[in-house]
């Protein structure tokens, strides 16, 4: 039987930057086993004083934009500049099998082999927002391990993709040129929340199209009002083949950090994100306790078929279930 690690063993290993122990700690916080949840909560609490020094960057983009390729080349550039890097790559989970490929280490083979970088793929599961349920906790563990930069790669643009915005300092949106309509169905809300847009694959014959797309996106962004941080979102072009534009992306991130820290927005944003984290955990735990409630389970089993057959309104059943959850002990 495998020996169960203690809180102190997890904590000391993470703080020392032990990659094996960090992976084990992330596995612990991602676990849904009741025996792990309490220990994971204690571990995160113990490590909080060692967090907060990294730059947290969320990266998302349209399908086929080359997020993994961009992250590998961009990440290699960062470590060559002396930064230590953690990549939290979220893989989509199958709605049928609930399984996940978890292939980011193979897609980022060169970066994965660099001891200055740490790549951790995690399954998205049923969580909306392009991130896994415990991405925040994994990010804090990486910070406690001493990484300078944390990149969070999401599964791609979708209706709830914006969840990543609520856990990072800088939100980078990768776009493609020459895909027909230059505003290729991208949600306006995602564009408004992006701290920078990068037209990727700007190389070869595509350079002219990328330059045109840059102008179109820049003009579109000028129509949006400035956000709370008074940051004007820049549009850049970059290529992971020629490495052109990658240094400019990093300089924009550094400029953003300096400007936000001077204005006080950096700290305010992180404070808001911690409250969002609280709300998410409350919703998750309440939902978990709700569906484990015996009376709720009994009523659900009795009435699901009536909802399926159109005999009972989902709203009526939902209200009945909530009434059962809160009032059983009063009967």
C-alpha atoms as a PDB file:
ATOM      1  CA  UNK A   1       0.000   0.000   0.000  1.00  0.00           C
ATOM      2  CA  UNK A   2       1.315   3.394  -1.003  1.00  0.00           C
ATOM      3  CA  UNK A   3       2.398   5.586   1.912  1.00  0.00           C
ATOM      4  CA  UNK A   4       0.199   8.652   2.323  1.00  0.00           C
ATOM      5  CA  UNK A   5       2.184  11.885   2.420  1.00  0.00           C
ATOM      6  CA  UNK A   6       1.753  14.228   5.354  1.00  0.00           C
ATOM      7  CA  UNK A   7       0.858  17.902   5.169  1.00  0.00           C
ATOM      8  CA  UNK A   8       4.440  18.806   6.127  1.00  0.00           C
ATOM      9  CA  UNK A   9       5.897  16.567   3.414  1.00  0.00           C
ATOM     10  CA  UNK A  10       3.712  18.190   0.761  1.00  0.00           C
ATOM     11  CA  UNK A  11       4.443  21.699   2.052  1.00  0.00           C
ATOM     12  CA  UNK A  12       8.222  21.355   2.393  1.00  0.00           C
ATOM     13  CA  UNK A  13       8.484  19.662  -1.006  1.00  0.00           C
ATOM     14  CA  UNK A  14       6.497  22.361  -2.814  1.00  0.00           C
ATOM     15  CA  UNK A  15       8.395  25.219  -1.155  1.00  0.00           C
ATOM     16  CA  UNK A  16      11.701  23.544  -2.065  1.00  0.00           C
ATOM     17  CA  UNK A  17      10.603  23.451  -5.716  1.00  0.00           C
ATOM     18  CA  UNK A  18      10.597  19.652  -5.877  1.00  0.00           C
ATOM     19  CA  UNK A  19       8.820  18.953  -9.203  1.00  0.00           C
ATOM     20  CA  UNK A  20       7.687  15.472  -8.197  1.00  0.00           C
ATOM     21  CA  UNK A  21       6.241  16.744  -4.932  1.00  0.00           C
ATOM     22  CA  UNK A  22       4.573  19.671  -6.754  1.00  0.00           C
ATOM     23  CA  UNK A  23       2.897  17.250  -9.176  1.00  0.00           C
ATOM     24  CA  UNK A  24       1.727  15.133  -6.253  1.00  0.00           C
ATOM     25  CA  UNK A  25       0.368  18.221  -4.496  1.00  0.00           C
ATOM     26  CA  UNK A  26      -1.577  19.298  -7.601  1.00  0.00           C
ATOM     27  CA  UNK A  27      -2.971  15.772  -7.906  1.00  0.00           C
ATOM     28  CA  UNK A  28      -4.069  16.072  -4.280  1.00  0.00           C
ATOM     29  CA  UNK A  29      -5.942  19.373  -4.788  1.00  0.00           C
ATOM     30  CA  UNK A  30      -7.571  18.003  -7.946  1.00  0.00           C
ATOM     31  CA  UNK A  31      -8.785  14.886  -6.134  1.00  0.00           C
ATOM     32  CA  UNK A  32     -12.487  14.527  -5.346  1.00  0.00           C
ATOM     33  CA  UNK A  33     -11.907  11.867  -2.685  1.00  0.00           C
ATOM     34  CA  UNK A  34     -13.208  12.992   0.699  1.00  0.00           C
ATOM     35  CA  UNK A  35      -9.990  11.763   2.334  1.00  0.00           C
ATOM     36  CA  UNK A  36      -7.996  14.188   0.147  1.00  0.00           C
ATOM     37  CA  UNK A  37     -10.212  17.266   0.207  1.00  0.00           C
ATOM     38  CA  UNK A  38      -9.482  18.254   3.807  1.00  0.00           C
ATOM     39  CA  UNK A  39      -5.725  17.739   3.442  1.00  0.00           C
ATOM     40  CA  UNK A  40      -5.725  19.719   0.174  1.00  0.00           C
ATOM     41  CA  UNK A  41      -7.560  22.596   1.848  1.00  0.00           C
ATOM     42  CA  UNK A  42      -5.048  22.631   4.709  1.00  0.00           C
ATOM     43  CA  UNK A  43      -2.152  22.548   2.240  1.00  0.00           C
ATOM     44  CA  UNK A  44      -3.401  25.541   0.265  1.00  0.00           C
ATOM     45  CA  UNK A  45      -3.921  27.465   3.501  1.00  0.00           C
ATOM     46  CA  UNK A  46      -0.393  26.633   4.688  1.00  0.00           C
ATOM     47  CA  UNK A  47       1.114  27.754   1.381  1.00  0.00           C
ATOM     48  CA  UNK A  48      -0.752  31.066   1.042  1.00  0.00           C
ATOM     49  CA  UNK A  49       2.088  33.117   2.622  1.00  0.00           C
ATOM     50  CA  UNK A  50       4.425  31.823  -0.116  1.00  0.00           C
ATOM     51  CA  UNK A  51       2.156  32.858  -3.020  1.00  0.00           C
ATOM     52  CA  UNK A  52       1.448  36.037  -4.933  1.00  0.00           C
ATOM     53  CA  UNK A  53       4.813  36.822  -6.533  1.00  0.00           C
ATOM     54  CA  UNK A  54       4.232  35.308  -9.985  1.00  0.00           C
ATOM     55  CA  UNK A  55       2.825  36.961 -13.087  1.00  0.00           C
ATOM     56  CA  UNK A  56      -0.345  35.041 -13.976  1.00  0.00           C
ATOM     57  CA  UNK A  57      -1.137  34.996 -17.710  1.00  0.00           C
ATOM     58  CA  UNK A  58      -4.232  33.428 -19.247  1.00  0.00           C
ATOM     59  CA  UNK A  59      -4.005  32.410 -22.904  1.00  0.00           C
ATOM     60  CA  UNK A  60      -7.016  31.575 -25.017  1.00  0.00           C
ATOM     61  CA  UNK A  61      -7.899  31.651 -28.700  1.00  0.00           C
ATOM     62  CA  UNK A  62     -10.011  30.426 -31.560  1.00  0.00           C
ATOM     63  CA  UNK A  63      -9.725  26.779 -32.699  1.00  0.00           C
ATOM     64  CA  UNK A  64      -6.612  26.151 -34.794  1.00  0.00           C
ATOM     65  CA  UNK A  65      -4.860  29.303 -33.611  1.00  0.00           C
ATOM     66  CA  UNK A  66      -1.899  27.321 -32.274  1.00  0.00           C
ATOM     67  CA  UNK A  67      -2.094  27.961 -28.527  1.00  0.00           C
ATOM     68  CA  UNK A  68       0.200  25.085 -27.564  1.00  0.00           C
ATOM     69  CA  UNK A  69       2.750  26.007 -30.224  1.00  0.00           C
ATOM     70  CA  UNK A  70       2.696  29.631 -29.138  1.00  0.00           C
ATOM     71  CA  UNK A  71       3.098  28.681 -25.473  1.00  0.00           C
ATOM     72  CA  UNK A  72       6.036  26.387 -26.221  1.00  0.00           C
ATOM     73  CA  UNK A  73       7.973  28.991 -28.228  1.00  0.00           C
ATOM     74  CA  UNK A  74       6.948  31.890 -25.998  1.00  0.00           C
ATOM     75  CA  UNK A  75       7.828  29.812 -22.940  1.00  0.00           C
ATOM     76  CA  UNK A  76      11.254  28.902 -24.341  1.00  0.00           C
ATOM     77  CA  UNK A  77      11.896  32.600 -24.914  1.00  0.00           C
ATOM     78  CA  UNK A  78      10.925  33.418 -21.329  1.00  0.00           C
ATOM     79  CA  UNK A  79      13.228  30.818 -19.779  1.00  0.00           C
ATOM     80  CA  UNK A  80      16.067  32.032 -22.013  1.00  0.00           C
ATOM     81  CA  UNK A  81      15.421  35.479 -20.523  1.00  0.00           C
ATOM     82  CA  UNK A  82      15.973  34.003 -17.061  1.00  0.00           C
ATOM     83  CA  UNK A  83      12.337  33.443 -16.040  1.00  0.00           C
ATOM     84  CA  UNK A  84      11.130  30.214 -14.441  1.00  0.00           C
ATOM     85  CA  UNK A  85       7.884  29.056 -15.968  1.00  0.00           C
ATOM     86  CA  UNK A  86       4.875  26.908 -15.038  1.00  0.00           C
ATOM     87  CA  UNK A  87       2.281  25.995 -17.645  1.00  0.00           C
ATOM     88  CA  UNK A  88      -1.152  24.824 -16.533  1.00  0.00           C
ATOM     89  CA  UNK A  89      -2.695  23.372 -19.658  1.00  0.00           C
ATOM     90  CA  UNK A  90      -6.350  22.381 -19.486  1.00  0.00           C
ATOM     91  CA  UNK A  91      -7.446  19.592 -21.841  1.00  0.00           C
ATOM     92  CA  UNK A  92     -11.080  19.207 -22.915  1.00  0.00           C
ATOM     93  CA  UNK A  93     -12.846  16.196 -21.432  1.00  0.00           C
ATOM     94  CA  UNK A  94     -15.061  13.927 -23.464  1.00  0.00           C
ATOM     95  CA  UNK A  95     -18.768  14.437 -22.644  1.00  0.00           C
ATOM     96  CA  UNK A  96     -19.241  10.700 -23.167  1.00  0.00           C
ATOM     97  CA  UNK A  97     -16.338   9.074 -21.353  1.00  0.00           C
ATOM     98  CA  UNK A  98     -15.367  12.054 -19.133  1.00  0.00           C
ATOM     99  CA  UNK A  99     -11.823  11.150 -20.187  1.00  0.00           C
ATOM    100  CA  UNK A 100      -9.155  13.598 -21.329  1.00  0.00           C
ATOM    101  CA  UNK A 101      -6.184  13.170 -23.649  1.00  0.00           C
ATOM    102  CA  UNK A 102      -3.780  15.204 -21.471  1.00  0.00           C
ATOM    103  CA  UNK A 103      -1.364  15.504 -24.380  1.00  0.00           C
ATOM    104  CA  UNK A 104       0.122  18.935 -23.794  1.00  0.00           C
ATOM    105  CA  UNK A 105       3.510  17.572 -22.745  1.00  0.00           C
ATOM    106  CA  UNK A 106       3.816  15.854 -26.130  1.00  0.00           C
ATOM    107  CA  UNK A 107       2.670  19.002 -27.957  1.00  0.00           C
ATOM    108  CA  UNK A 108       5.268  21.039 -26.018  1.00  0.00           C
ATOM    109  CA  UNK A 109       8.058  18.488 -26.144  1.00  0.00           C
ATOM    110  CA  UNK A 110      10.983  20.958 -26.159  1.00  0.00           C
ATOM    111  CA  UNK A 111       9.590  23.053 -23.323  1.00  0.00           C
ATOM    112  CA  UNK A 112       8.716  19.935 -21.317  1.00  0.00           C
ATOM    113  CA  UNK A 113      12.346  18.870 -21.486  1.00  0.00           C
ATOM    114  CA  UNK A 114      13.615  22.173 -20.065  1.00  0.00           C
ATOM    115  CA  UNK A 115      14.223  22.021 -16.302  1.00  0.00           C
ATOM    116  CA  UNK A 116      13.369  25.720 -16.014  1.00  0.00           C
ATOM    117  CA  UNK A 117       9.800  24.955 -17.049  1.00  0.00           C
ATOM    118  CA  UNK A 118       7.056  22.844 -15.475  1.00  0.00           C
ATOM    119  CA  UNK A 119       4.075  21.677 -17.537  1.00  0.00           C
ATOM    120  CA  UNK A 120       0.971  20.306 -15.866  1.00  0.00           C
ATOM    121  CA  UNK A 121      -1.974  19.126 -17.993  1.00  0.00           C
ATOM    122  CA  UNK A 122      -5.318  18.884 -16.210  1.00  0.00           C
ATOM    123  CA  UNK A 123      -8.715  17.662 -17.434  1.00  0.00           C
ATOM    124  CA  UNK A 124     -11.441  20.297 -17.731  1.00  0.00           C
ATOM    125  CA  UNK A 125     -14.037  17.747 -16.614  1.00  0.00           C
ATOM    126  CA  UNK A 126     -17.519  19.254 -16.528  1.00  0.00           C
ATOM    127  CA  UNK A 127     -16.251  22.670 -15.425  1.00  0.00           C
ATOM    128  CA  UNK A 128     -17.231  25.606 -17.620  1.00  0.00           C
ATOM    129  CA  UNK A 129     -14.902  28.461 -18.415  1.00  0.00           C
ATOM    130  CA  UNK A 130     -12.069  26.704 -20.184  1.00  0.00           C
ATOM    131  CA  UNK A 131     -10.324  25.852 -16.925  1.00  0.00           C
ATOM    132  CA  UNK A 132     -10.435  22.916 -14.543  1.00  0.00           C
ATOM    133  CA  UNK A 133     -12.171  23.031 -11.173  1.00  0.00           C
ATOM    134  CA  UNK A 134      -8.910  23.403  -9.255  1.00  0.00           C
ATOM    135  CA  UNK A 135      -6.852  25.563 -11.624  1.00  0.00           C
ATOM    136  CA  UNK A 136      -6.706  28.334  -9.006  1.00  0.00           C
ATOM    137  CA  UNK A 137      -5.280  26.002  -6.393  1.00  0.00           C
ATOM    138  CA  UNK A 138      -2.777  24.535  -8.866  1.00  0.00           C
ATOM    139  CA  UNK A 139      -1.681  28.063  -9.749  1.00  0.00           C
ATOM    140  CA  UNK A 140      -1.078  28.909  -6.078  1.00  0.00           C
ATOM    141  CA  UNK A 141       0.966  25.738  -5.598  1.00  0.00           C
ATOM    142  CA  UNK A 142       3.146  26.719  -8.558  1.00  0.00           C
ATOM    143  CA  UNK A 143       3.623  30.165  -7.046  1.00  0.00           C
ATOM    144  CA  UNK A 144       4.643  28.634  -3.736  1.00  0.00           C
ATOM    145  CA  UNK A 145       7.155  26.522  -5.667  1.00  0.00           C
ATOM    146  CA  UNK A 146       8.793  29.752  -6.812  1.00  0.00           C
ATOM    147  CA  UNK A 147       7.858  30.084 -10.490  1.00  0.00           C
ATOM    148  CA  UNK A 148       8.144  33.616 -11.902  1.00  0.00           C
ATOM    149  CA  UNK A 149       5.542  33.240 -14.650  1.00  0.00           C
ATOM    150  CA  UNK A 150       2.442  31.031 -14.777  1.00  0.00           C
ATOM    151  CA  UNK A 151       0.698  30.478 -18.099  1.00  0.00           C
ATOM    152  CA  UNK A 152      -2.848  29.105 -17.997  1.00  0.00           C
ATOM    153  CA  UNK A 153      -3.822  27.619 -21.362  1.00  0.00           C
ATOM    154  CA  UNK A 154      -7.558  27.157 -21.744  1.00  0.00           C
ATOM    155  CA  UNK A 155      -9.452  24.658 -23.880  1.00  0.00           C
ATOM    156  CA  UNK A 156     -10.525  27.396 -26.316  1.00  0.00           C
ATOM    157  CA  UNK A 157     -13.026  30.155 -26.845  1.00  0.00           C
ATOM    158  CA  UNK A 158     -16.569  29.444 -25.710  1.00  0.00           C
ATOM    159  CA  UNK A 159     -19.506  31.097 -24.009  1.00  0.00           C
ATOM    160  CA  UNK A 160     -18.067  30.647 -20.530  1.00  0.00           C
ATOM    161  CA  UNK A 161     -14.398  30.964 -21.498  1.00  0.00           C
ATOM    162  CA  UNK A 162     -14.133  34.216 -19.584  1.00  0.00           C
ATOM    163  CA  UNK A 163     -13.725  32.347 -16.278  1.00  0.00           C
ATOM    164  CA  UNK A 164      -9.970  32.445 -16.845  1.00  0.00           C
ATOM    165  CA  UNK A 165     -10.085  36.242 -16.726  1.00  0.00           C
ATOM    166  CA  UNK A 166     -11.116  35.976 -13.072  1.00  0.00           C
ATOM    167  CA  UNK A 167      -7.944  34.181 -12.033  1.00  0.00           C
ATOM    168  CA  UNK A 168      -5.110  35.819 -13.980  1.00  0.00           C
ATOM    169  CA  UNK A 169      -3.366  39.177 -14.081  1.00  0.00           C
ATOM    170  CA  UNK A 170      -3.110  39.378 -17.862  1.00  0.00           C
ATOM    171  CA  UNK A 171      -5.553  37.912 -20.389  1.00  0.00           C
ATOM    172  CA  UNK A 172      -4.042  37.199 -23.833  1.00  0.00           C
ATOM    173  CA  UNK A 173      -6.314  36.419 -26.779  1.00  0.00           C
ATOM    174  CA  UNK A 174      -4.785  34.717 -29.828  1.00  0.00           C
ATOM    175  CA  UNK A 175      -6.467  35.291 -33.191  1.00  0.00           C
ATOM    176  CA  UNK A 176      -6.010  34.168 -36.781  1.00  0.00           C
ATOM    177  CA  UNK A 177      -5.900  36.221 -39.964  1.00  0.00           C
ATOM    178  CA  UNK A 178      -7.462  35.285 -43.259  1.00  0.00           C
ATOM    179  CA  UNK A 179     -10.266  33.106 -41.954  1.00  0.00           C
ATOM    180  CA  UNK A 180     -12.993  34.954 -43.834  1.00  0.00           C
ATOM    181  CA  UNK A 181     -14.734  37.428 -41.552  1.00  0.00           C
ATOM    182  CA  UNK A 182     -11.898  38.985 -39.545  1.00  0.00           C
ATOM    183  CA  UNK A 183     -14.139  39.266 -36.496  1.00  0.00           C
ATOM    184  CA  UNK A 184     -14.654  35.524 -36.954  1.00  0.00           C
ATOM    185  CA  UNK A 185     -17.505  34.942 -34.537  1.00  0.00           C
ATOM    186  CA  UNK A 186     -15.390  35.875 -31.534  1.00  0.00           C
ATOM    187  CA  UNK A 187     -17.542  36.964 -28.613  1.00  0.00           C
ATOM    188  CA  UNK A 188     -17.493  40.718 -28.097  1.00  0.00           C
ATOM    189  CA  UNK A 189     -17.275  40.200 -24.329  1.00  0.00           C
ATOM    190  CA  UNK A 190     -14.047  38.199 -24.670  1.00  0.00           C
ATOM    191  CA  UNK A 191     -12.480  40.879 -26.854  1.00  0.00           C
ATOM    192  CA  UNK A 192     -13.467  43.534 -24.324  1.00  0.00           C
ATOM    193  CA  UNK A 193     -11.784  41.616 -21.514  1.00  0.00           C
ATOM    194  CA  UNK A 194      -8.560  40.850 -23.385  1.00  0.00           C
ATOM    195  CA  UNK A 195      -5.516  42.797 -22.239  1.00  0.00           C
ATOM    196  CA  UNK A 196      -3.831  42.143 -25.590  1.00  0.00           C
ATOM    197  CA  UNK A 197      -4.794  40.574 -28.919  1.00  0.00           C
ATOM    198  CA  UNK A 198      -2.138  38.711 -30.858  1.00  0.00           C
ATOM    199  CA  UNK A 199      -2.612  37.798 -34.517  1.00  0.00           C
ATOM    200  CA  UNK A 200      -0.749  34.494 -34.535  1.00  0.00           C
ATOM    201  CA  UNK A 201       0.869  32.624 -37.455  1.00  0.00           C
ATOM    202  CA  UNK A 202       1.989  35.952 -38.962  1.00  0.00           C
ATOM    203  CA  UNK A 203       4.643  34.450 -41.230  1.00  0.00           C
ATOM    204  CA  UNK A 204       5.208  33.682 -44.919  1.00  0.00           C
ATOM    205  CA  UNK A 205       2.339  34.661 -47.189  1.00  0.00           C
ATOM    206  CA  UNK A 206       0.166  35.164 -44.123  1.00  0.00           C
ATOM    207  CA  UNK A 207       2.131  38.243 -42.986  1.00  0.00           C
ATOM    208  CA  UNK A 208       0.122  40.564 -45.245  1.00  0.00           C
ATOM    209  CA  UNK A 209      -3.177  39.099 -44.019  1.00  0.00           C
ATOM    210  CA  UNK A 210      -1.989  39.402 -40.401  1.00  0.00           C
ATOM    211  CA  UNK A 211      -1.134  43.072 -40.904  1.00  0.00           C
ATOM    212  CA  UNK A 212      -4.587  43.692 -42.366  1.00  0.00           C
ATOM    213  CA  UNK A 213      -6.249  41.794 -39.508  1.00  0.00           C
ATOM    214  CA  UNK A 214      -4.242  43.810 -36.980  1.00  0.00           C
ATOM    215  CA  UNK A 215      -5.673  47.034 -38.407  1.00  0.00           C
ATOM    216  CA  UNK A 216      -9.234  45.672 -38.391  1.00  0.00           C
ATOM    217  CA  UNK A 217      -9.034  44.456 -34.784  1.00  0.00           C
ATOM    218  CA  UNK A 218      -7.362  47.669 -33.616  1.00  0.00           C
ATOM    219  CA  UNK A 219     -10.156  49.727 -35.179  1.00  0.00           C
ATOM    220  CA  UNK A 220     -12.789  47.485 -33.587  1.00  0.00           C
ATOM    221  CA  UNK A 221     -11.176  47.793 -30.143  1.00  0.00           C
ATOM    222  CA  UNK A 222     -11.145  51.596 -30.396  1.00  0.00           C
ATOM    223  CA  UNK A 223     -14.946  51.457 -30.340  1.00  0.00           C
ATOM    224  CA  UNK A 224     -14.898  49.790 -26.917  1.00  0.00           C
ATOM    225  CA  UNK A 225     -14.766  51.970 -23.787  1.00  0.00           C
ATOM    226  CA  UNK A 226     -11.713  51.620 -21.559  1.00  0.00           C
ATOM    227  CA  UNK A 227     -12.141  49.222 -18.641  1.00  0.00           C
ATOM    228  CA  UNK A 228     -11.674  49.868 -14.948  1.00  0.00           C
ATOM    229  CA  UNK A 229      -7.919  49.675 -15.358  1.00  0.00           C
ATOM    230  CA  UNK A 230      -7.814  52.399 -18.081  1.00  0.00           C
ATOM    231  CA  UNK A 231      -5.690  50.111 -20.244  1.00  0.00           C
ATOM    232  CA  UNK A 232      -5.904  50.488 -24.014  1.00  0.00           C
ATOM    233  CA  UNK A 233      -5.762  46.952 -25.450  1.00  0.00           C
ATOM    234  CA  UNK A 234      -2.968  46.645 -28.027  1.00  0.00           C
ATOM    235  CA  UNK A 235      -3.066  44.405 -31.102  1.00  0.00           C
ATOM    236  CA  UNK A 236       0.161  42.676 -32.113  1.00  0.00           C
ATOM    237  CA  UNK A 237       1.272  40.135 -34.689  1.00  0.00           C
ATOM    238  CA  UNK A 238       3.507  37.178 -33.855  1.00  0.00           C
ATOM    239  CA  UNK A 239       4.895  34.000 -35.344  1.00  0.00           C
ATOM    240  CA  UNK A 240       5.979  30.868 -33.513  1.00  0.00           C
ATOM    241  CA  UNK A 241       7.856  29.821 -36.674  1.00  0.00           C
ATOM    242  CA  UNK A 242      10.077  32.893 -37.031  1.00  0.00           C
ATOM    243  CA  UNK A 243       9.801  34.069 -33.387  1.00  0.00           C
ATOM    244  CA  UNK A 244       8.851  37.529 -34.654  1.00  0.00           C
ATOM    245  CA  UNK A 245       6.708  39.535 -32.248  1.00  0.00           C
ATOM    246  CA  UNK A 246       7.211  37.307 -29.212  1.00  0.00           C
ATOM    247  CA  UNK A 247       9.521  39.726 -27.393  1.00  0.00           C
ATOM    248  CA  UNK A 248       6.997  42.501 -28.048  1.00  0.00           C
ATOM    249  CA  UNK A 249       4.264  40.417 -26.408  1.00  0.00           C
ATOM    250  CA  UNK A 250       6.414  39.998 -23.290  1.00  0.00           C
ATOM    251  CA  UNK A 251       7.237  43.719 -23.219  1.00  0.00           C
ATOM    252  CA  UNK A 252       3.514  44.546 -23.361  1.00  0.00           C
ATOM    253  CA  UNK A 253       2.906  42.235 -20.383  1.00  0.00           C
ATOM    254  CA  UNK A 254       5.731  43.875 -18.430  1.00  0.00           C
ATOM    255  CA  UNK A 255       4.411  47.347 -19.291  1.00  0.00           C
ATOM    256  CA  UNK A 256       0.917  46.287 -18.179  1.00  0.00           C
ATOM    257  CA  UNK A 257       2.219  44.957 -14.865  1.00  0.00           C
ATOM    258  CA  UNK A 258       4.144  48.156 -14.121  1.00  0.00           C
ATOM    259  CA  UNK A 259       1.215  50.401 -15.029  1.00  0.00           C
ATOM    260  CA  UNK A 260      -1.301  48.357 -13.031  1.00  0.00           C
ATOM    261  CA  UNK A 261       0.935  48.175  -9.973  1.00  0.00           C
ATOM    262  CA  UNK A 262       1.496  51.933 -10.033  1.00  0.00           C
ATOM    263  CA  UNK A 263      -2.248  52.603 -10.288  1.00  0.00           C
ATOM    264  CA  UNK A 264      -3.121  50.087  -7.556  1.00  0.00           C
ATOM    265  CA  UNK A 265      -5.271  48.038  -9.942  1.00  0.00           C
ATOM    266  CA  UNK A 266      -2.964  44.983  -9.719  1.00  0.00           C
ATOM    267  CA  UNK A 267      -3.669  44.477  -6.003  1.00  0.00           C
ATOM    268  CA  UNK A 268      -7.352  45.427  -6.314  1.00  0.00           C
ATOM    269  CA  UNK A 269      -7.874  42.917  -9.113  1.00  0.00           C
ATOM    270  CA  UNK A 270      -6.284  40.089  -7.124  1.00  0.00           C
ATOM    271  CA  UNK A 271      -8.440  40.972  -4.104  1.00  0.00           C
ATOM    272  CA  UNK A 272     -11.581  40.727  -6.273  1.00  0.00           C
ATOM    273  CA  UNK A 273     -10.389  37.424  -7.673  1.00  0.00           C
ATOM    274  CA  UNK A 274     -10.004  35.981  -4.180  1.00  0.00           C
ATOM    275  CA  UNK A 275     -13.637  36.885  -3.459  1.00  0.00           C
ATOM    276  CA  UNK A 276     -14.671  35.253  -6.760  1.00  0.00           C
ATOM    277  CA  UNK A 277     -12.762  32.170  -5.648  1.00  0.00           C
ATOM    278  CA  UNK A 278     -14.767  32.176  -2.407  1.00  0.00           C
ATOM    279  CA  UNK A 279     -18.057  32.411  -4.343  1.00  0.00           C
ATOM    280  CA  UNK A 280     -17.045  29.550  -6.642  1.00  0.00           C
ATOM    281  CA  UNK A 281     -16.172  27.287  -3.718  1.00  0.00           C
ATOM    282  CA  UNK A 282     -19.427  28.097  -1.935  1.00  0.00           C
ATOM    283  CA  UNK A 283     -21.428  27.267  -5.061  1.00  0.00           C
ATOM    284  CA  UNK A 284     -19.489  24.040  -5.589  1.00  0.00           C
ATOM    285  CA  UNK A 285     -19.828  22.864  -1.981  1.00  0.00           C
ATOM    286  CA  UNK A 286     -23.512  23.809  -1.724  1.00  0.00           C
ATOM    287  CA  UNK A 287     -24.226  21.951  -4.954  1.00  0.00           C
ATOM    288  CA  UNK A 288     -22.322  18.925  -3.710  1.00  0.00           C
ATOM    289  CA  UNK A 289     -24.154  18.817  -0.377  1.00  0.00           C
ATOM    290  CA  UNK A 290     -27.482  19.429  -2.103  1.00  0.00           C
ATOM    291  CA  UNK A 291     -27.259  16.450  -4.446  1.00  0.00           C
ATOM    292  CA  UNK A 292     -25.971  14.177  -1.673  1.00  0.00           C
ATOM    293  CA  UNK A 293     -29.026  14.992   0.485  1.00  0.00           C
ATOM    294  CA  UNK A 294     -31.104  11.818   0.890  1.00  0.00           C
ATOM    295  CA  UNK A 295     -34.522  13.492   0.602  1.00  0.00           C
ATOM    296  CA  UNK A 296     -33.397  15.416  -2.483  1.00  0.00           C
ATOM    297  CA  UNK A 297     -32.162  12.169  -4.033  1.00  0.00           C
ATOM    298  CA  UNK A 298     -35.446  10.421  -3.211  1.00  0.00           C
ATOM    299  CA  UNK A 299     -37.617  13.149  -4.721  1.00  0.00           C
ATOM    300  CA  UNK A 300     -35.321  13.413  -7.741  1.00  0.00           C
ATOM    301  CA  UNK A 301     -35.559   9.669  -8.409  1.00  0.00           C
ATOM    302  CA  UNK A 302     -39.357   9.833  -8.090  1.00  0.00           C
ATOM    303  CA  UNK A 303     -39.915  12.843 -10.336  1.00  0.00           C
ATOM    304  CA  UNK A 304     -37.203  12.875 -13.028  1.00  0.00           C
ATOM    305  CA  UNK A 305     -39.306  10.755 -15.376  1.00  0.00           C
ATOM    306  CA  UNK A 306     -42.218  13.199 -15.061  1.00  0.00           C
ATOM    307  CA  UNK A 307     -39.940  16.051 -16.101  1.00  0.00           C
ATOM    308  CA  UNK A 308     -38.625  13.992 -19.034  1.00  0.00           C
ATOM    309  CA  UNK A 309     -42.193  13.249 -20.156  1.00  0.00           C
ATOM    310  CA  UNK A 310     -43.258  16.883 -19.912  1.00  0.00           C
ATOM    311  CA  UNK A 311     -45.709  16.218 -17.068  1.00  0.00           C
ATOM    312  CA  UNK A 312     -43.880  18.309 -14.478  1.00  0.00           C
ATOM    313  CA  UNK A 313     -42.234  21.684 -14.888  1.00  0.00           C
ATOM    314  CA  UNK A 314     -38.467  21.680 -14.158  1.00  0.00           C
ATOM    315  CA  UNK A 315     -39.011  24.878 -12.163  1.00  0.00           C
ATOM    316  CA  UNK A 316     -41.673  23.207  -9.993  1.00  0.00           C
ATOM    317  CA  UNK A 317     -39.436  20.221  -9.284  1.00  0.00           C
ATOM    318  CA  UNK A 318     -36.457  22.468  -8.566  1.00  0.00           C
ATOM    319  CA  UNK A 319     -38.487  24.422  -5.997  1.00  0.00           C
ATOM    320  CA  UNK A 320     -39.731  21.178  -4.437  1.00  0.00           C
ATOM    321  CA  UNK A 321     -36.167  19.858  -4.177  1.00  0.00           C
ATOM    322  CA  UNK A 322     -34.924  23.032  -2.526  1.00  0.00           C
ATOM    323  CA  UNK A 323     -37.855  22.924  -0.114  1.00  0.00           C
ATOM    324  CA  UNK A 324     -36.967  19.317   0.720  1.00  0.00           C
ATOM    325  CA  UNK A 325     -33.310  20.269   1.283  1.00  0.00           C
ATOM    326  CA  UNK A 326     -34.035  23.102   3.696  1.00  0.00           C
ATOM    327  CA  UNK A 327     -37.156  21.836   5.451  1.00  0.00           C
ATOM    328  CA  UNK A 328     -36.717  18.098   6.031  1.00  0.00           C
ATOM    329  CA  UNK A 329     -35.391  18.541   9.552  1.00  0.00           C
ATOM    330  CA  UNK A 330     -38.427  20.685  10.443  1.00  0.00           C
ATOM    331  CA  UNK A 331     -40.951  17.945   9.687  1.00  0.00           C
END
